[in-house]
């Protein structure tokens, strides 16, 4: 059962990543066109407000900076990556 739930959660995150990329199109840090196969989804939640942003995989080092910044403001930060390691 747990495996099924993890698979469903991963599938949902991939669809959310595709949706966010479709709206955002360009990476905020590189101005490169985003692709769900090499992007990172950052979801920031505070109370009832939820904001998701996609970042190009080459800017993975920005994740710690973003996480620290928003957690210091009392937000919950969730990271999802669809990048497959070889």
N, C-alpha and C. Protein backbone atom coordinates (compact mmCIF):
# COMPACT_ATOMS: atom_id res chain seq x y z
N UNK A 1 0.83 -1.20 0.00
CA UNK A 1 0.00 0.00 0.00
C UNK A 1 0.87 1.26 0.00
N UNK A 2 1.91 1.25 0.81
CA UNK A 2 2.79 2.41 0.88
C UNK A 2 3.45 2.67 -0.47
N UNK A 3 3.85 1.62 -1.16
CA UNK A 3 4.47 1.76 -2.47
C UNK A 3 3.51 2.40 -3.46
N UNK A 4 2.25 1.99 -3.42
CA UNK A 4 1.24 2.56 -4.30
C UNK A 4 1.05 4.04 -4.01
N UNK A 5 0.99 4.41 -2.74
CA UNK A 5 0.83 5.82 -2.37
C UNK A 5 2.02 6.66 -2.81
N UNK A 6 3.22 6.12 -2.66
CA UNK A 6 4.42 6.84 -3.11
C UNK A 6 4.39 7.04 -4.62
N UNK A 7 3.98 6.02 -5.35
CA UNK A 7 3.89 6.11 -6.81
C UNK A 7 2.85 7.15 -7.22
N UNK A 8 1.70 7.16 -6.56
CA UNK A 8 0.66 8.14 -6.86
C UNK A 8 1.13 9.56 -6.55
N UNK A 9 1.83 9.72 -5.43
CA UNK A 9 2.35 11.03 -5.05
C UNK A 9 3.38 11.51 -6.08
N UNK A 10 4.25 10.62 -6.52
CA UNK A 10 5.25 10.97 -7.53
C UNK A 10 4.57 11.37 -8.85
N UNK A 11 3.57 10.60 -9.27
CA UNK A 11 2.84 10.91 -10.50
C UNK A 11 2.15 12.27 -10.39
N UNK A 12 1.57 12.55 -9.23
CA UNK A 12 0.90 13.83 -9.01
C UNK A 12 1.91 14.97 -9.06
N UNK A 13 3.07 14.79 -8.44
CA UNK A 13 4.11 15.82 -8.47
C UNK A 13 4.63 16.07 -9.88
N UNK A 14 4.74 15.03 -10.70
CA UNK A 14 5.18 15.20 -12.08
C UNK A 14 4.15 16.03 -12.85
N UNK A 15 2.88 15.74 -12.64
CA UNK A 15 1.82 16.51 -13.31
C UNK A 15 1.81 17.96 -12.83
N UNK A 16 2.02 18.18 -11.53
CA UNK A 16 2.10 19.54 -11.00
C UNK A 16 3.30 20.27 -11.59
N UNK A 17 4.43 19.59 -11.69
CA UNK A 17 5.62 20.17 -12.29
C UNK A 17 5.36 20.58 -13.73
N UNK A 18 4.71 19.72 -14.50
CA UNK A 18 4.37 20.05 -15.89
C UNK A 18 3.45 21.27 -15.95
N UNK A 19 2.48 21.34 -15.05
CA UNK A 19 1.55 22.46 -15.01
C UNK A 19 2.27 23.76 -14.71
N UNK A 20 3.13 23.73 -13.68
CA UNK A 20 3.87 24.93 -13.28
C UNK A 20 4.78 25.39 -14.41
N UNK A 21 5.47 24.46 -15.06
CA UNK A 21 6.35 24.80 -16.17
C UNK A 21 5.55 25.41 -17.33
N UNK A 22 4.37 24.86 -17.57
CA UNK A 22 3.52 25.40 -18.63
C UNK A 22 3.12 26.84 -18.38
N UNK A 23 2.96 27.22 -17.14
CA UNK A 23 2.62 28.60 -16.80
C UNK A 23 3.86 29.49 -16.73
N UNK A 24 4.95 28.94 -16.21
CA UNK A 24 6.16 29.73 -15.95
C UNK A 24 7.05 29.85 -17.19
N UNK A 25 7.24 28.79 -17.90
CA UNK A 25 8.01 28.64 -19.14
C UNK A 25 9.52 28.83 -18.96
N UNK A 26 9.96 29.91 -18.34
CA UNK A 26 11.38 30.19 -18.19
C UNK A 26 11.84 30.06 -16.74
N UNK A 27 13.08 29.61 -16.55
CA UNK A 27 13.68 29.53 -15.22
C UNK A 27 14.02 30.94 -14.76
N UNK A 28 13.67 31.24 -13.53
CA UNK A 28 13.93 32.57 -12.97
C UNK A 28 15.43 32.88 -12.87
N UNK A 29 16.24 31.85 -12.69
CA UNK A 29 17.67 32.06 -12.48
C UNK A 29 18.48 32.06 -13.77
N UNK A 30 18.04 31.32 -14.78
CA UNK A 30 18.85 31.19 -15.99
C UNK A 30 18.19 31.75 -17.24
N UNK A 31 16.90 32.03 -17.18
CA UNK A 31 16.11 32.44 -18.34
C UNK A 31 16.08 31.37 -19.43
N UNK A 32 16.48 30.15 -19.09
CA UNK A 32 16.37 29.02 -20.01
C UNK A 32 14.93 28.50 -20.01
N UNK A 33 14.52 27.93 -21.11
CA UNK A 33 13.21 27.29 -21.16
C UNK A 33 13.25 26.04 -20.29
N UNK A 34 12.22 25.87 -19.46
CA UNK A 34 12.17 24.73 -18.54
C UNK A 34 11.65 23.47 -19.24
N UNK A 35 12.10 22.34 -18.77
CA UNK A 35 11.68 21.03 -19.26
C UNK A 35 11.45 20.17 -18.02
N UNK A 36 10.31 19.51 -17.94
CA UNK A 36 9.98 18.77 -16.72
C UNK A 36 10.98 17.64 -16.44
N UNK A 37 11.72 17.20 -17.45
CA UNK A 37 12.67 16.11 -17.25
C UNK A 37 13.93 16.54 -16.51
N UNK A 38 14.20 17.85 -16.46
CA UNK A 38 15.38 18.31 -15.75
C UNK A 38 15.08 19.53 -14.89
N UNK A 39 13.90 19.54 -14.30
CA UNK A 39 13.50 20.67 -13.47
C UNK A 39 13.25 20.23 -12.03
N UNK A 40 13.27 21.20 -11.15
CA UNK A 40 13.01 20.97 -9.73
C UNK A 40 11.79 21.79 -9.36
N UNK A 41 10.84 21.17 -8.68
CA UNK A 41 9.63 21.84 -8.23
C UNK A 41 9.80 22.25 -6.78
N UNK A 42 9.61 23.54 -6.50
CA UNK A 42 9.68 24.05 -5.14
C UNK A 42 8.28 24.53 -4.78
N UNK A 43 7.69 23.93 -3.75
CA UNK A 43 6.36 24.31 -3.30
C UNK A 43 6.48 24.93 -1.91
N UNK A 44 5.99 26.16 -1.78
CA UNK A 44 6.08 26.93 -0.54
C UNK A 44 4.67 27.11 0.01
N UNK A 45 4.49 26.72 1.27
CA UNK A 45 3.17 26.79 1.91
C UNK A 45 3.26 27.61 3.19
N UNK A 46 2.32 28.53 3.35
CA UNK A 46 2.18 29.27 4.61
C UNK A 46 0.70 29.45 4.85
N UNK A 47 0.21 28.76 5.87
CA UNK A 47 -1.22 28.79 6.14
C UNK A 47 -1.99 28.17 4.99
N UNK A 48 -2.94 28.92 4.44
CA UNK A 48 -3.75 28.45 3.32
C UNK A 48 -3.14 28.79 1.96
N UNK A 49 -2.05 29.56 1.96
CA UNK A 49 -1.44 29.98 0.70
C UNK A 49 -0.38 29.00 0.25
N UNK A 50 -0.45 28.62 -1.02
CA UNK A 50 0.51 27.69 -1.61
C UNK A 50 1.03 28.30 -2.90
N UNK A 51 2.35 28.26 -3.08
CA UNK A 51 2.99 28.78 -4.29
C UNK A 51 3.99 27.74 -4.77
N UNK A 52 3.95 27.43 -6.04
CA UNK A 52 4.91 26.48 -6.63
C UNK A 52 5.70 27.17 -7.71
N UNK A 53 6.99 26.84 -7.77
CA UNK A 53 7.88 27.42 -8.76
C UNK A 53 8.80 26.32 -9.28
N UNK A 54 9.11 26.37 -10.55
CA UNK A 54 10.04 25.41 -11.14
C UNK A 54 11.39 26.09 -11.36
N UNK A 55 12.45 25.32 -11.12
CA UNK A 55 13.81 25.81 -11.28
C UNK A 55 14.56 24.81 -12.15
N UNK A 56 15.37 25.31 -13.06
CA UNK A 56 16.16 24.43 -13.92
C UNK A 56 17.12 23.61 -13.04
N UNK A 57 17.31 22.36 -13.38
CA UNK A 57 18.13 21.45 -12.61
C UNK A 57 19.56 21.90 -12.39
N UNK A 58 20.11 22.70 -13.29
CA UNK A 58 21.49 23.16 -13.13
C UNK A 58 21.63 24.15 -11.98
N UNK A 59 20.52 24.67 -11.46
CA UNK A 59 20.55 25.61 -10.35
C UNK A 59 20.13 24.94 -9.04
N UNK A 60 20.45 23.67 -8.93
CA UNK A 60 20.13 22.88 -7.74
C UNK A 60 20.72 23.50 -6.48
N UNK A 61 21.86 24.20 -6.62
CA UNK A 61 22.50 24.82 -5.47
C UNK A 61 21.66 25.95 -4.87
N UNK A 62 20.71 26.49 -5.60
CA UNK A 62 19.82 27.55 -5.09
C UNK A 62 18.76 27.00 -4.13
N UNK A 63 18.53 25.70 -4.15
CA UNK A 63 17.48 25.09 -3.34
C UNK A 63 17.71 25.35 -1.85
N UNK A 64 18.94 25.16 -1.38
CA UNK A 64 19.24 25.39 0.03
C UNK A 64 18.98 26.85 0.41
N UNK A 65 19.36 27.76 -0.46
CA UNK A 65 19.15 29.19 -0.23
C UNK A 65 17.65 29.52 -0.15
N UNK A 66 16.89 28.99 -1.08
CA UNK A 66 15.44 29.22 -1.11
C UNK A 66 14.77 28.62 0.13
N UNK A 67 15.15 27.39 0.45
CA UNK A 67 14.58 26.70 1.61
C UNK A 67 14.85 27.48 2.89
N UNK A 68 16.08 27.89 3.10
CA UNK A 68 16.45 28.64 4.30
C UNK A 68 15.68 29.95 4.38
N UNK A 69 15.59 30.65 3.26
CA UNK A 69 14.90 31.94 3.23
C UNK A 69 13.44 31.81 3.64
N UNK A 70 12.73 30.86 3.04
CA UNK A 70 11.30 30.75 3.31
C UNK A 70 11.00 30.08 4.65
N UNK A 71 11.83 29.15 5.09
CA UNK A 71 11.62 28.55 6.40
C UNK A 71 11.83 29.58 7.50
N UNK A 72 12.74 30.53 7.30
CA UNK A 72 12.96 31.58 8.30
C UNK A 72 11.75 32.51 8.39
N UNK A 73 10.91 32.52 7.35
CA UNK A 73 9.68 33.31 7.36
C UNK A 73 8.48 32.51 7.85
N UNK A 74 8.73 31.29 8.33
CA UNK A 74 7.66 30.45 8.87
C UNK A 74 6.91 29.66 7.82
N UNK A 75 7.49 29.47 6.66
CA UNK A 75 6.85 28.72 5.58
C UNK A 75 7.34 27.27 5.58
N UNK A 76 6.53 26.42 5.03
CA UNK A 76 6.92 25.03 4.82
C UNK A 76 7.35 24.90 3.36
N UNK A 77 8.50 24.29 3.14
CA UNK A 77 9.06 24.17 1.79
C UNK A 77 9.17 22.69 1.44
N UNK A 78 8.63 22.33 0.27
CA UNK A 78 8.70 20.95 -0.21
C UNK A 78 9.40 20.97 -1.57
N UNK A 79 10.35 20.06 -1.73
CA UNK A 79 11.14 19.98 -2.96
C UNK A 79 10.83 18.66 -3.66
N UNK A 80 10.61 18.75 -4.98
CA UNK A 80 10.43 17.54 -5.79
C UNK A 80 11.29 17.69 -7.03
N UNK A 81 12.04 16.67 -7.36
CA UNK A 81 12.83 16.69 -8.58
C UNK A 81 12.50 15.46 -9.41
N UNK A 82 12.44 15.67 -10.71
CA UNK A 82 12.16 14.59 -11.64
C UNK A 82 13.43 14.18 -12.38
N UNK A 83 14.57 14.70 -11.93
CA UNK A 83 15.84 14.41 -12.58
C UNK A 83 16.27 12.99 -12.21
N UNK A 84 16.48 12.19 -13.23
CA UNK A 84 16.90 10.80 -13.03
C UNK A 84 18.41 10.73 -13.08
N UNK A 85 19.01 10.13 -12.06
CA UNK A 85 20.47 9.95 -12.07
C UNK A 85 20.81 8.66 -12.82
N UNK A 86 21.92 8.68 -13.49
CA UNK A 86 22.32 7.51 -14.30
C UNK A 86 23.16 6.57 -13.50
